[in-house]
Amino acid sequence: MLDARQLEALAAVVEQGGFGPAAQALSLTLAAVSLRIKSLEATLGQRLLVRGKQVRATPAGQALLAHVKQLRLMESDLLAGLQGGGVGARDGVRWQSLSVAINADSVAGWFLPGVAPLLQRHHLLLEILIDDQDHTHDALKSGDVVGCVTTLAEPMRGCVAEPLGVMRYRCVAAPAMAQRCRTPRGAVSPHKLLAQPAIIFNRKDALQDTFLAQHFGLKQPNYPRHFAPAVEAFETAIELGLGWGMVPEQHLALRPGLQEVLPGATVDVVLYWQHWAREPLSAQRLTQAVKAAAHASLPPVQTG
């Protein structure tokens, strides 16, 4: 059976960013923390940490970190049940924390409104890690989160992948810029479009390239780009005429000043909720709320 103190030492080193901060957080000496990690590595017969300027977990260490998080959640669920709601905060409420990784468009659209009632009813605290939907699964793989909204359909080891629905994106621009992308006859010109700047969420965002490949057959074209890694700033930049960009269909009702560059042309992104196969009760509740929120807001995934 794994030593709980050794596991907490491992988690503290990764969460605090080093052996020194972990020792302070655990009220231990640096030597004690180091000894616990070495003993755990000796027991398992493999390295759990990559030591250097920035300490990080090995794949085996990541698996153990996920295990530690599960143990913490199960213990919190148990205490809440034993204490009939628990004691912890000044008003007699025990708050419980869950970490998730989600793409910014989902957070700003369907996710928070959908899970808010659950969070309030069961006193859950969320730590939301924002990343591109093609990369959120990295946080689940490393054990940093209990679930993620991702485009990865294949379940990772020890996880379940459940379809949520489709995020549909349309290419839009301010009216003046949309007009500059057209020929005198009104047709969209790829050459004119690529002459205008695009608004990109961040350097992981590939939606614009996907749009150009799907609808114009362009592979990795070169075009000027602005980067605006916040949903409000991203959409405002498009409204101000700074460039064209891909906006979720759901958001366009709030942006009546935007026009489609190529009417009817969409990029559909299929989303999945990946989560631990063995979930504590609080994480199970979150999974059910996420699925219900997505199914109420997003077009269903077409099968077959």
C-alpha atoms as a PDB file:
ATOM      1  CA  MET A   1       0.000   0.000   0.000  1.00  0.00           C
ATOM      2  CA  LEU A   2       1.315   3.433  -0.908  1.00  0.00           C
ATOM      3  CA  ASP A   3       2.422   5.753   1.898  1.00  0.00           C
ATOM      4  CA  ALA A   4       0.044   8.712   2.149  1.00  0.00           C
ATOM      5  CA  ARG A   5       2.770  11.030   3.470  1.00  0.00           C
ATOM      6  CA  GLN A   6       5.016  10.218   0.549  1.00  0.00           C
ATOM      7  CA  LEU A   7       2.196  10.848  -1.908  1.00  0.00           C
ATOM      8  CA  GLU A   8       1.416  14.221  -0.325  1.00  0.00           C
ATOM      9  CA  ALA A   9       5.096  15.135  -0.534  1.00  0.00           C
ATOM     10  CA  LEU A  10       5.109  14.291  -4.244  1.00  0.00           C
ATOM     11  CA  ALA A  11       1.965  16.357  -4.835  1.00  0.00           C
ATOM     12  CA  ALA A  12       3.345  19.292  -2.831  1.00  0.00           C
ATOM     13  CA  VAL A  13       6.598  19.392  -4.826  1.00  0.00           C
ATOM     14  CA  VAL A  14       4.722  19.545  -8.129  1.00  0.00           C
ATOM     15  CA  GLU A  15       1.961  21.898  -6.939  1.00  0.00           C
ATOM     16  CA  GLN A  16       4.349  24.267  -5.144  1.00  0.00           C
ATOM     17  CA  GLY A  17       6.922  24.207  -7.942  1.00  0.00           C
ATOM     18  CA  GLY A  18       9.905  22.841  -6.048  1.00  0.00           C
ATOM     19  CA  PHE A  19      11.250  21.064  -2.974  1.00  0.00           C
ATOM     20  CA  GLY A  20      11.789  24.243  -0.938  1.00  0.00           C
ATOM     21  CA  PRO A  21       8.252  25.616  -1.312  1.00  0.00           C
ATOM     22  CA  ALA A  22       6.866  22.108  -0.726  1.00  0.00           C
ATOM     23  CA  ALA A  23       8.799  21.831   2.538  1.00  0.00           C
ATOM     24  CA  GLN A  24       7.363  25.150   3.697  1.00  0.00           C
ATOM     25  CA  ALA A  25       3.813  24.141   2.732  1.00  0.00           C
ATOM     26  CA  LEU A  26       4.117  20.828   4.601  1.00  0.00           C
ATOM     27  CA  SER A  27       5.997  22.339   7.578  1.00  0.00           C
ATOM     28  CA  LEU A  28       8.839  19.889   6.993  1.00  0.00           C
ATOM     29  CA  THR A  29      12.545  20.192   6.400  1.00  0.00           C
ATOM     30  CA  LEU A  30      13.863  20.092   2.852  1.00  0.00           C
ATOM     31  CA  ALA A  31      15.676  16.859   3.701  1.00  0.00           C
ATOM     32  CA  ALA A  32      12.452  15.234   4.926  1.00  0.00           C
ATOM     33  CA  VAL A  33      10.595  16.044   1.723  1.00  0.00           C
ATOM     34  CA  SER A  34      13.492  14.775  -0.389  1.00  0.00           C
ATOM     35  CA  LEU A  35      13.656  11.558   1.642  1.00  0.00           C
ATOM     36  CA  ARG A  36       9.934  10.876   1.200  1.00  0.00           C
ATOM     37  CA  ILE A  37      10.184  11.312  -2.561  1.00  0.00           C
ATOM     38  CA  LYS A  38      13.268   9.081  -2.781  1.00  0.00           C
ATOM     39  CA  SER A  39      11.557   6.407  -0.665  1.00  0.00           C
ATOM     40  CA  LEU A  40       8.477   6.486  -2.895  1.00  0.00           C
ATOM     41  CA  GLU A  41      10.644   6.201  -6.012  1.00  0.00           C
ATOM     42  CA  ALA A  42      12.534   3.301  -4.441  1.00  0.00           C
ATOM     43  CA  THR A  43       9.284   1.519  -3.571  1.00  0.00           C
ATOM     44  CA  LEU A  44       7.990   1.856  -7.136  1.00  0.00           C
ATOM     45  CA  GLY A  45      11.357   1.329  -8.795  1.00  0.00           C
ATOM     46  CA  GLN A  46      11.127   4.346 -11.103  1.00  0.00           C
ATOM     47  CA  ARG A  47      11.663   8.080 -11.267  1.00  0.00           C
ATOM     48  CA  LEU A  48       8.656  10.214 -10.406  1.00  0.00           C
ATOM     49  CA  LEU A  49      10.148  13.680 -10.842  1.00  0.00           C
ATOM     50  CA  VAL A  50      12.419  15.331 -13.373  1.00  0.00           C
ATOM     51  CA  ARG A  51      14.655  17.514 -11.246  1.00  0.00           C
ATOM     52  CA  GLY A  52      16.027  20.762 -12.638  1.00  0.00           C
ATOM     53  CA  LYS A  53      15.303  24.478 -12.685  1.00  0.00           C
ATOM     54  CA  GLN A  54      11.651  23.560 -13.051  1.00  0.00           C
ATOM     55  CA  VAL A  55      10.548  20.349 -11.336  1.00  0.00           C
ATOM     56  CA  ARG A  56       7.997  18.329 -13.279  1.00  0.00           C
ATOM     57  CA  ALA A  57       6.416  14.918 -12.954  1.00  0.00           C
ATOM     58  CA  THR A  58       7.360  11.957 -15.111  1.00  0.00           C
ATOM     59  CA  PRO A  59       4.518   9.942 -16.681  1.00  0.00           C
ATOM     60  CA  ALA A  60       4.559   7.682 -13.609  1.00  0.00           C
ATOM     61  CA  GLY A  61       4.520  10.755 -11.382  1.00  0.00           C
ATOM     62  CA  GLN A  62       1.573  12.165 -13.305  1.00  0.00           C
ATOM     63  CA  ALA A  63      -0.382   8.959 -12.741  1.00  0.00           C
ATOM     64  CA  LEU A  64       0.307   9.182  -9.008  1.00  0.00           C
ATOM     65  CA  LEU A  65      -0.739  12.844  -8.927  1.00  0.00           C
ATOM     66  CA  ALA A  66      -4.085  11.927 -10.473  1.00  0.00           C
ATOM     67  CA  HIS A  67      -4.416   9.241  -7.791  1.00  0.00           C
ATOM     68  CA  VAL A  68      -3.702  11.794  -5.051  1.00  0.00           C
ATOM     69  CA  LYS A  69      -6.357  14.148  -6.401  1.00  0.00           C
ATOM     70  CA  GLN A  70      -8.880  11.322  -6.471  1.00  0.00           C
ATOM     71  CA  LEU A  71      -8.065  10.420  -2.872  1.00  0.00           C
ATOM     72  CA  ARG A  72      -8.514  14.031  -1.780  1.00  0.00           C
ATOM     73  CA  LEU A  73     -11.897  14.289  -3.469  1.00  0.00           C
ATOM     74  CA  MET A  74     -13.099  10.980  -2.044  1.00  0.00           C
ATOM     75  CA  GLU A  75     -11.994  12.025   1.442  1.00  0.00           C
ATOM     76  CA  SER A  76     -13.792  15.339   1.087  1.00  0.00           C
ATOM     77  CA  ASP A  77     -16.957  13.551  -0.097  1.00  0.00           C
ATOM     78  CA  LEU A  78     -16.715  11.160   2.867  1.00  0.00           C
ATOM     79  CA  LEU A  79     -16.285  13.947   5.424  1.00  0.00           C
ATOM     80  CA  ALA A  80     -19.179  15.892   3.948  1.00  0.00           C
ATOM     81  CA  GLY A  81     -21.382  12.827   4.225  1.00  0.00           C
ATOM     82  CA  LEU A  82     -20.301  12.017   7.784  1.00  0.00           C
ATOM     83  CA  GLN A  83     -20.813  15.584   8.946  1.00  0.00           C
ATOM     84  CA  GLY A  84     -24.106  16.114   7.162  1.00  0.00           C
ATOM     85  CA  GLY A  85     -22.709  18.898   5.008  1.00  0.00           C
ATOM     86  CA  GLY A  86     -19.526  19.352   6.932  1.00  0.00           C
ATOM     87  CA  VAL A  87     -17.832  22.187   8.730  1.00  0.00           C
ATOM     88  CA  GLY A  88     -15.153  24.308   7.209  1.00  0.00           C
ATOM     89  CA  ALA A  89     -16.224  27.809   6.338  1.00  0.00           C
ATOM     90  CA  ARG A  90     -17.465  30.431   8.781  1.00  0.00           C
ATOM     91  CA  ASP A  91     -21.086  29.772   7.846  1.00  0.00           C
ATOM     92  CA  GLY A  92     -20.754  26.032   8.493  1.00  0.00           C
ATOM     93  CA  VAL A  93     -20.308  25.025   4.841  1.00  0.00           C
ATOM     94  CA  ARG A  94     -17.530  22.769   3.585  1.00  0.00           C
ATOM     95  CA  TRP A  95     -16.327  23.922   0.161  1.00  0.00           C
ATOM     96  CA  GLN A  96     -14.744  21.449  -2.223  1.00  0.00           C
ATOM     97  CA  SER A  97     -12.431  22.296  -5.133  1.00  0.00           C
ATOM     98  CA  LEU A  98     -12.408  20.722  -8.596  1.00  0.00           C
ATOM     99  CA  SER A  99     -10.055  21.579 -11.461  1.00  0.00           C
ATOM    100  CA  VAL A 100     -11.105  21.386 -15.118  1.00  0.00           C
ATOM    101  CA  ALA A 101      -9.542  22.321 -18.459  1.00  0.00           C
ATOM    102  CA  ILE A 102     -11.831  23.978 -21.022  1.00  0.00           C
ATOM    103  CA  ASN A 103     -11.551  26.013 -24.191  1.00  0.00           C
ATOM    104  CA  ALA A 104     -12.412  29.694 -23.776  1.00  0.00           C
ATOM    105  CA  ASP A 105     -15.411  29.662 -26.138  1.00  0.00           C
ATOM    106  CA  SER A 106     -17.108  26.916 -24.125  1.00  0.00           C
ATOM    107  CA  VAL A 107     -16.496  28.709 -20.830  1.00  0.00           C
ATOM    108  CA  ALA A 108     -17.920  31.943 -22.212  1.00  0.00           C
ATOM    109  CA  GLY A 109     -20.855  30.165 -23.845  1.00  0.00           C
ATOM    110  CA  TRP A 110     -22.562  27.083 -22.445  1.00  0.00           C
ATOM    111  CA  PHE A 111     -20.313  25.744 -19.674  1.00  0.00           C
ATOM    112  CA  LEU A 112     -20.614  28.188 -16.762  1.00  0.00           C
ATOM    113  CA  PRO A 113     -24.368  28.833 -17.107  1.00  0.00           C
ATOM    114  CA  GLY A 114     -24.904  25.082 -17.262  1.00  0.00           C
ATOM    115  CA  VAL A 115     -22.889  24.092 -14.178  1.00  0.00           C
ATOM    116  CA  ALA A 116     -23.579  27.153 -11.990  1.00  0.00           C
ATOM    117  CA  PRO A 117     -26.625  25.628 -10.226  1.00  0.00           C
ATOM    118  CA  LEU A 118     -24.612  22.513  -9.311  1.00  0.00           C
ATOM    119  CA  LEU A 119     -21.707  24.568  -7.949  1.00  0.00           C
ATOM    120  CA  GLN A 120     -24.021  26.606  -5.754  1.00  0.00           C
ATOM    121  CA  ARG A 121     -26.118  23.672  -4.564  1.00  0.00           C
ATOM    122  CA  HIS A 122     -23.180  21.449  -3.570  1.00  0.00           C
ATOM    123  CA  HIS A 123     -20.676  24.184  -2.598  1.00  0.00           C
ATOM    124  CA  LEU A 124     -18.131  23.293  -5.267  1.00  0.00           C
ATOM    125  CA  LEU A 125     -15.248  25.566  -6.219  1.00  0.00           C
ATOM    126  CA  LEU A 126     -13.882  25.429  -9.754  1.00  0.00           C
ATOM    127  CA  GLU A 127     -10.356  26.088 -10.915  1.00  0.00           C
ATOM    128  CA  ILE A 128     -10.686  26.518 -14.682  1.00  0.00           C
ATOM    129  CA  LEU A 129      -7.601  26.081 -16.847  1.00  0.00           C
ATOM    130  CA  ILE A 130      -8.127  27.726 -20.238  1.00  0.00           C
ATOM    131  CA  ASP A 131      -6.528  26.109 -23.257  1.00  0.00           C
ATOM    132  CA  ASP A 132      -7.307  25.353 -26.884  1.00  0.00           C
ATOM    133  CA  GLN A 133      -9.755  22.474 -27.270  1.00  0.00           C
ATOM    134  CA  ASP A 134      -7.078  20.472 -29.098  1.00  0.00           C
ATOM    135  CA  HIS A 135      -4.757  20.693 -26.088  1.00  0.00           C
ATOM    136  CA  THR A 136      -6.918  20.608 -22.936  1.00  0.00           C
ATOM    137  CA  HIS A 137      -6.419  16.852 -22.595  1.00  0.00           C
ATOM    138  CA  ASP A 138      -2.758  17.479 -21.693  1.00  0.00           C
ATOM    139  CA  ALA A 139      -3.917  18.811 -18.305  1.00  0.00           C
ATOM    140  CA  LEU A 140      -5.986  15.677 -17.687  1.00  0.00           C
ATOM    141  CA  LYS A 141      -3.114  13.440 -18.741  1.00  0.00           C
ATOM    142  CA  SER A 142      -0.778  15.199 -16.290  1.00  0.00           C
ATOM    143  CA  GLY A 143      -3.256  14.801 -13.436  1.00  0.00           C
ATOM    144  CA  ASP A 144      -3.856  18.540 -13.058  1.00  0.00           C
ATOM    145  CA  VAL A 145      -7.625  18.333 -13.644  1.00  0.00           C
ATOM    146  CA  VAL A 146     -10.508  15.911 -13.110  1.00  0.00           C
ATOM    147  CA  GLY A 147     -11.983  16.488 -16.564  1.00  0.00           C
ATOM    148  CA  CYS A 148     -11.600  18.457 -19.766  1.00  0.00           C
ATOM    149  CA  VAL A 149     -13.585  19.651 -22.766  1.00  0.00           C
ATOM    150  CA  THR A 150     -11.560  18.380 -25.705  1.00  0.00           C
ATOM    151  CA  THR A 151     -11.625  17.365 -29.357  1.00  0.00           C
ATOM    152  CA  LEU A 152      -9.881  14.090 -28.463  1.00  0.00           C
ATOM    153  CA  ALA A 153     -12.408  11.300 -29.033  1.00  0.00           C
ATOM    154  CA  GLU A 154     -10.147   8.409 -28.009  1.00  0.00           C
ATOM    155  CA  PRO A 155     -10.269   7.895 -24.227  1.00  0.00           C
ATOM    156  CA  MET A 156      -6.919   8.311 -22.528  1.00  0.00           C
ATOM    157  CA  ARG A 157      -5.687   5.658 -20.120  1.00  0.00           C
ATOM    158  CA  GLY A 158      -7.975   5.442 -17.112  1.00  0.00           C
ATOM    159  CA  CYS A 159     -10.445   7.910 -18.639  1.00  0.00           C
ATOM    160  CA  VAL A 160     -13.821   8.008 -20.383  1.00  0.00           C
ATOM    161  CA  ALA A 161     -14.602  10.206 -23.407  1.00  0.00           C
ATOM    162  CA  GLU A 162     -18.248  11.209 -23.794  1.00  0.00           C
ATOM    163  CA  PRO A 163     -19.558  13.244 -26.760  1.00  0.00           C
ATOM    164  CA  LEU A 164     -20.912  16.673 -25.811  1.00  0.00           C
ATOM    165  CA  GLY A 165     -21.950  18.201 -29.124  1.00  0.00           C
ATOM    166  CA  VAL A 166     -20.713  20.435 -31.908  1.00  0.00           C
ATOM    167  CA  MET A 167     -19.321  23.955 -31.618  1.00  0.00           C
ATOM    168  CA  ARG A 168     -20.121  25.585 -34.959  1.00  0.00           C
ATOM    169  CA  TYR A 169     -17.913  28.482 -36.065  1.00  0.00           C
ATOM    170  CA  ARG A 170     -18.525  31.045 -38.799  1.00  0.00           C
ATOM    171  CA  CYS A 171     -16.011  33.352 -40.453  1.00  0.00           C
ATOM    172  CA  VAL A 172     -17.057  36.938 -39.734  1.00  0.00           C
ATOM    173  CA  ALA A 173     -15.790  40.489 -40.044  1.00  0.00           C
ATOM    174  CA  ALA A 174     -16.950  44.066 -39.706  1.00  0.00           C
ATOM    175  CA  PRO A 175     -19.009  45.114 -42.768  1.00  0.00           C
ATOM    176  CA  ALA A 176     -16.260  47.265 -44.303  1.00  0.00           C
ATOM    177  CA  MET A 177     -13.666  44.517 -44.009  1.00  0.00           C
ATOM    178  CA  ALA A 178     -16.074  41.872 -45.326  1.00  0.00           C
ATOM    179  CA  GLN A 179     -16.589  44.078 -48.383  1.00  0.00           C
ATOM    180  CA  ARG A 180     -12.839  44.370 -48.953  1.00  0.00           C
ATOM    181  CA  CYS A 181     -12.678  40.578 -49.227  1.00  0.00           C
ATOM    182  CA  ARG A 182     -15.054  40.522 -52.237  1.00  0.00           C
ATOM    183  CA  THR A 183     -14.636  41.022 -55.960  1.00  0.00           C
ATOM    184  CA  PRO A 184     -16.663  43.727 -57.783  1.00  0.00           C
ATOM    185  CA  ARG A 185     -19.235  41.014 -58.540  1.00  0.00           C
ATOM    186  CA  GLY A 186     -19.629  40.226 -54.829  1.00  0.00           C
ATOM    187  CA  ALA A 187     -17.797  36.882 -54.728  1.00  0.00           C
ATOM    188  CA  VAL A 188     -15.343  36.199 -51.916  1.00  0.00           C
ATOM    189  CA  SER A 189     -11.762  36.374 -53.160  1.00  0.00           C
ATOM    190  CA  PRO A 190      -9.256  34.199 -51.240  1.00  0.00           C
ATOM    191  CA  HIS A 191      -6.494  36.541 -52.398  1.00  0.00           C
ATOM    192  CA  LYS A 192      -8.303  39.583 -50.988  1.00  0.00           C
ATOM    193  CA  LEU A 193      -9.145  37.708 -47.778  1.00  0.00           C
ATOM    194  CA  LEU A 194      -5.521  36.717 -47.180  1.00  0.00           C
ATOM    195  CA  ALA A 195      -4.465  40.321 -47.719  1.00  0.00           C
ATOM    196  CA  GLN A 196      -6.452  41.292 -44.609  1.00  0.00           C
ATOM    197  CA  PRO A 197      -5.314  40.531 -41.050  1.00  0.00           C
ATOM    198  CA  ALA A 198      -6.957  37.694 -39.161  1.00  0.00           C
ATOM    199  CA  ILE A 199      -7.766  37.804 -35.463  1.00  0.00           C
ATOM    200  CA  ILE A 200      -6.343  34.681 -33.800  1.00  0.00           C
ATOM    201  CA  PHE A 201      -7.130  33.671 -30.210  1.00  0.00           C
ATOM    202  CA  ASN A 202      -3.616  32.363 -29.514  1.00  0.00           C
ATOM    203  CA  ARG A 203      -0.817  30.510 -31.274  1.00  0.00           C
ATOM    204  CA  LYS A 204      -2.530  27.148 -30.724  1.00  0.00           C
ATOM    205  CA  ASP A 205      -5.685  28.346 -32.509  1.00  0.00           C
ATOM    206  CA  ALA A 206      -5.981  26.624 -35.901  1.00  0.00           C
ATOM    207  CA  LEU A 207      -9.628  27.418 -36.735  1.00  0.00           C
ATOM    208  CA  GLN A 208      -8.742  30.008 -39.384  1.00  0.00           C
ATOM    209  CA  ASP A 209      -6.412  27.588 -41.138  1.00  0.00           C
ATOM    210  CA  THR A 210      -9.099  24.900 -40.986  1.00  0.00           C
ATOM    211  CA  PHE A 211     -11.632  27.291 -42.537  1.00  0.00           C
ATOM    212  CA  LEU A 212      -9.266  28.203 -45.373  1.00  0.00           C
ATOM    213  CA  ALA A 213      -8.442  24.532 -46.021  1.00  0.00           C
ATOM    214  CA  GLN A 214     -12.068  23.338 -45.978  1.00  0.00           C
ATOM    215  CA  HIS A 215     -13.618  26.088 -48.083  1.00  0.00           C
ATOM    216  CA  PHE A 216     -10.789  27.300 -50.344  1.00  0.00           C
ATOM    217  CA  GLY A 217      -8.418  24.325 -50.427  1.00  0.00           C
ATOM    218  CA  LEU A 218      -5.567  26.415 -49.020  1.00  0.00           C
ATOM    219  CA  LYS A 219      -2.921  24.568 -47.008  1.00  0.00           C
ATOM    220  CA  GLN A 220      -0.940  26.557 -44.430  1.00  0.00           C
ATOM    221  CA  PRO A 221      -1.355  29.921 -46.181  1.00  0.00           C
ATOM    222  CA  ASN A 222       0.560  32.971 -45.072  1.00  0.00           C
ATOM    223  CA  TYR A 223      -1.470  35.979 -43.889  1.00  0.00           C
ATOM    224  CA  PRO A 224      -1.115  38.788 -41.317  1.00  0.00           C
ATOM    225  CA  ARG A 225      -2.408  38.009 -37.820  1.00  0.00           C
ATOM    226  CA  HIS A 226      -3.420  39.740 -34.624  1.00  0.00           C
ATOM    227  CA  PHE A 227      -3.431  37.667 -31.405  1.00  0.00           C
ATOM    228  CA  ALA A 228      -6.104  38.370 -28.775  1.00  0.00           C
ATOM    229  CA  PRO A 229      -6.236  35.616 -26.100  1.00  0.00           C
ATOM    230  CA  ALA A 230      -9.523  36.641 -24.451  1.00  0.00           C
ATOM    231  CA  VAL A 231     -13.007  36.051 -25.866  1.00  0.00           C
ATOM    232  CA  GLU A 232     -14.259  39.605 -25.300  1.00  0.00           C
ATOM    233  CA  ALA A 233     -11.102  41.190 -26.735  1.00  0.00           C
ATOM    234  CA  PHE A 234     -11.069  38.733 -29.640  1.00  0.00           C
ATOM    235  CA  GLU A 235     -14.623  39.511 -30.739  1.00  0.00           C
ATOM    236  CA  THR A 236     -14.263  43.239 -30.066  1.00  0.00           C
ATOM    237  CA  ALA A 237     -11.173  43.353 -32.295  1.00  0.00           C
ATOM    238  CA  ILE A 238     -13.246  41.883 -35.134  1.00  0.00           C
ATOM    239  CA  GLU A 239     -16.058  44.379 -34.514  1.00  0.00           C
ATOM    240  CA  LEU A 240     -13.556  47.238 -34.660  1.00  0.00           C
ATOM    241  CA  GLY A 241     -12.495  46.147 -38.145  1.00  0.00           C
ATOM    242  CA  LEU A 242      -9.007  45.000 -37.148  1.00  0.00           C
ATOM    243  CA  GLY A 243      -9.420  41.679 -38.919  1.00  0.00           C
ATOM    244  CA  TRP A 244     -11.591  38.676 -39.719  1.00  0.00           C
ATOM    245  CA  GLY A 245     -11.984  35.664 -37.470  1.00  0.00           C
ATOM    246  CA  MET A 246     -13.869  32.536 -36.504  1.00  0.00           C
ATOM    247  CA  VAL A 247     -16.661  33.149 -33.967  1.00  0.00           C
ATOM    248  CA  PRO A 248     -18.985  30.534 -32.433  1.00  0.00           C
ATOM    249  CA  GLU A 249     -22.442  30.634 -33.953  1.00  0.00           C
ATOM    250  CA  GLN A 250     -23.922  30.995 -30.455  1.00  0.00           C
ATOM    251  CA  HIS A 251     -22.050  34.257 -29.888  1.00  0.00           C
ATOM    252  CA  LEU A 252     -23.215  35.986 -33.069  1.00  0.00           C
ATOM    253  CA  ALA A 253     -26.601  36.922 -31.622  1.00  0.00           C
ATOM    254  CA  LEU A 254     -24.715  39.237 -29.265  1.00  0.00           C
ATOM    255  CA  ARG A 255     -22.626  40.697 -32.108  1.00  0.00           C
ATOM    256  CA  PRO A 256     -25.201  41.965 -34.661  1.00  0.00           C
ATOM    257  CA  GLY A 257     -22.620  44.248 -36.275  1.00  0.00           C
ATOM    258  CA  LEU A 258     -20.622  41.336 -37.660  1.00  0.00           C
ATOM    259  CA  GLN A 259     -21.140  39.901 -41.140  1.00  0.00           C
ATOM    260  CA  GLU A 260     -20.294  36.486 -42.501  1.00  0.00           C
ATOM    261  CA  VAL A 261     -17.390  36.633 -44.916  1.00  0.00           C
ATOM    262  CA  LEU A 262     -18.546  33.478 -46.704  1.00  0.00           C
ATOM    263  CA  PRO A 263     -22.259  33.030 -45.888  1.00  0.00           C
ATOM    264  CA  GLY A 264     -23.244  29.507 -44.939  1.00  0.00           C
ATOM    265  CA  ALA A 265     -19.679  28.227 -44.625  1.00  0.00           C
ATOM    266  CA  THR A 266     -18.942  26.729 -41.205  1.00  0.00           C
ATOM    267  CA  VAL A 267     -16.251  24.861 -39.316  1.00  0.00           C
ATOM    268  CA  ASP A 268     -17.727  22.266 -36.962  1.00  0.00           C
ATOM    269  CA  VAL A 269     -15.697  21.233 -33.931  1.00  0.00           C
ATOM    270  CA  VAL A 270     -16.864  18.075 -32.148  1.00  0.00           C
ATOM    271  CA  LEU A 271     -16.338  18.312 -28.394  1.00  0.00           C
ATOM    272  CA  TYR A 272     -15.972  15.536 -25.827  1.00  0.00           C
ATOM    273  CA  TRP A 273     -15.879  15.475 -22.048  1.00  0.00           C
ATOM    274  CA  GLN A 274     -12.921  13.349 -20.954  1.00  0.00           C
ATOM    275  CA  HIS A 275     -12.849  12.461 -17.268  1.00  0.00           C
ATOM    276  CA  TRP A 276     -11.560   9.829 -14.873  1.00  0.00           C
ATOM    277  CA  ALA A 277     -13.257   6.462 -15.243  1.00  0.00           C
ATOM    278  CA  ARG A 278     -13.393   6.161 -11.439  1.00  0.00           C
ATOM    279  CA  GLU A 279     -14.785   9.453 -10.183  1.00  0.00           C
ATOM    280  CA  PRO A 280     -15.546  10.628  -6.648  1.00  0.00           C
ATOM    281  CA  LEU A 281     -19.146  11.707  -6.066  1.00  0.00           C
ATOM    282  CA  SER A 282     -18.465  15.423  -6.546  1.00  0.00           C
ATOM    283  CA  ALA A 283     -16.735  14.781  -9.878  1.00  0.00           C
ATOM    284  CA  GLN A 284     -19.589  12.493 -10.954  1.00  0.00           C
ATOM    285  CA  ARG A 285     -22.037  15.313 -10.293  1.00  0.00           C
ATOM    286  CA  LEU A 286     -19.914  17.702 -12.321  1.00  0.00           C
ATOM    287  CA  THR A 287     -19.759  15.228 -15.219  1.00  0.00           C
ATOM    288  CA  GLN A 288     -23.539  14.932 -15.292  1.00  0.00           C
ATOM    289  CA  ALA A 289     -23.964  18.717 -15.183  1.00  0.00           C
ATOM    290  CA  VAL A 290     -21.431  19.277 -17.985  1.00  0.00           C
ATOM    291  CA  LYS A 291     -23.138  16.705 -20.230  1.00  0.00           C
ATOM    292  CA  ALA A 292     -26.583  18.145 -19.557  1.00  0.00           C
ATOM    293  CA  ALA A 293     -25.396  21.710 -20.218  1.00  0.00           C
ATOM    294  CA  ALA A 294     -23.740  20.760 -23.501  1.00  0.00           C
ATOM    295  CA  HIS A 295     -26.672  18.682 -24.728  1.00  0.00           C
ATOM    296  CA  ALA A 296     -29.034  21.591 -24.009  1.00  0.00           C
ATOM    297  CA  SER A 297     -26.911  24.129 -25.898  1.00  0.00           C
ATOM    298  CA  LEU A 298     -24.937  22.395 -28.643  1.00  0.00           C
ATOM    299  CA  PRO A 299     -26.047  20.548 -31.788  1.00  0.00           C
ATOM    300  CA  PRO A 300     -25.629  16.791 -31.284  1.00  0.00           C
ATOM    301  CA  VAL A 301     -22.718  14.814 -32.659  1.00  0.00           C
ATOM    302  CA  GLN A 302     -23.788  12.966 -35.820  1.00  0.00           C
ATOM    303  CA  THR A 303     -22.905   9.290 -35.790  1.00  0.00           C
ATOM    304  CA  GLY A 304     -22.704   6.753 -38.578  1.00  0.00           C
END
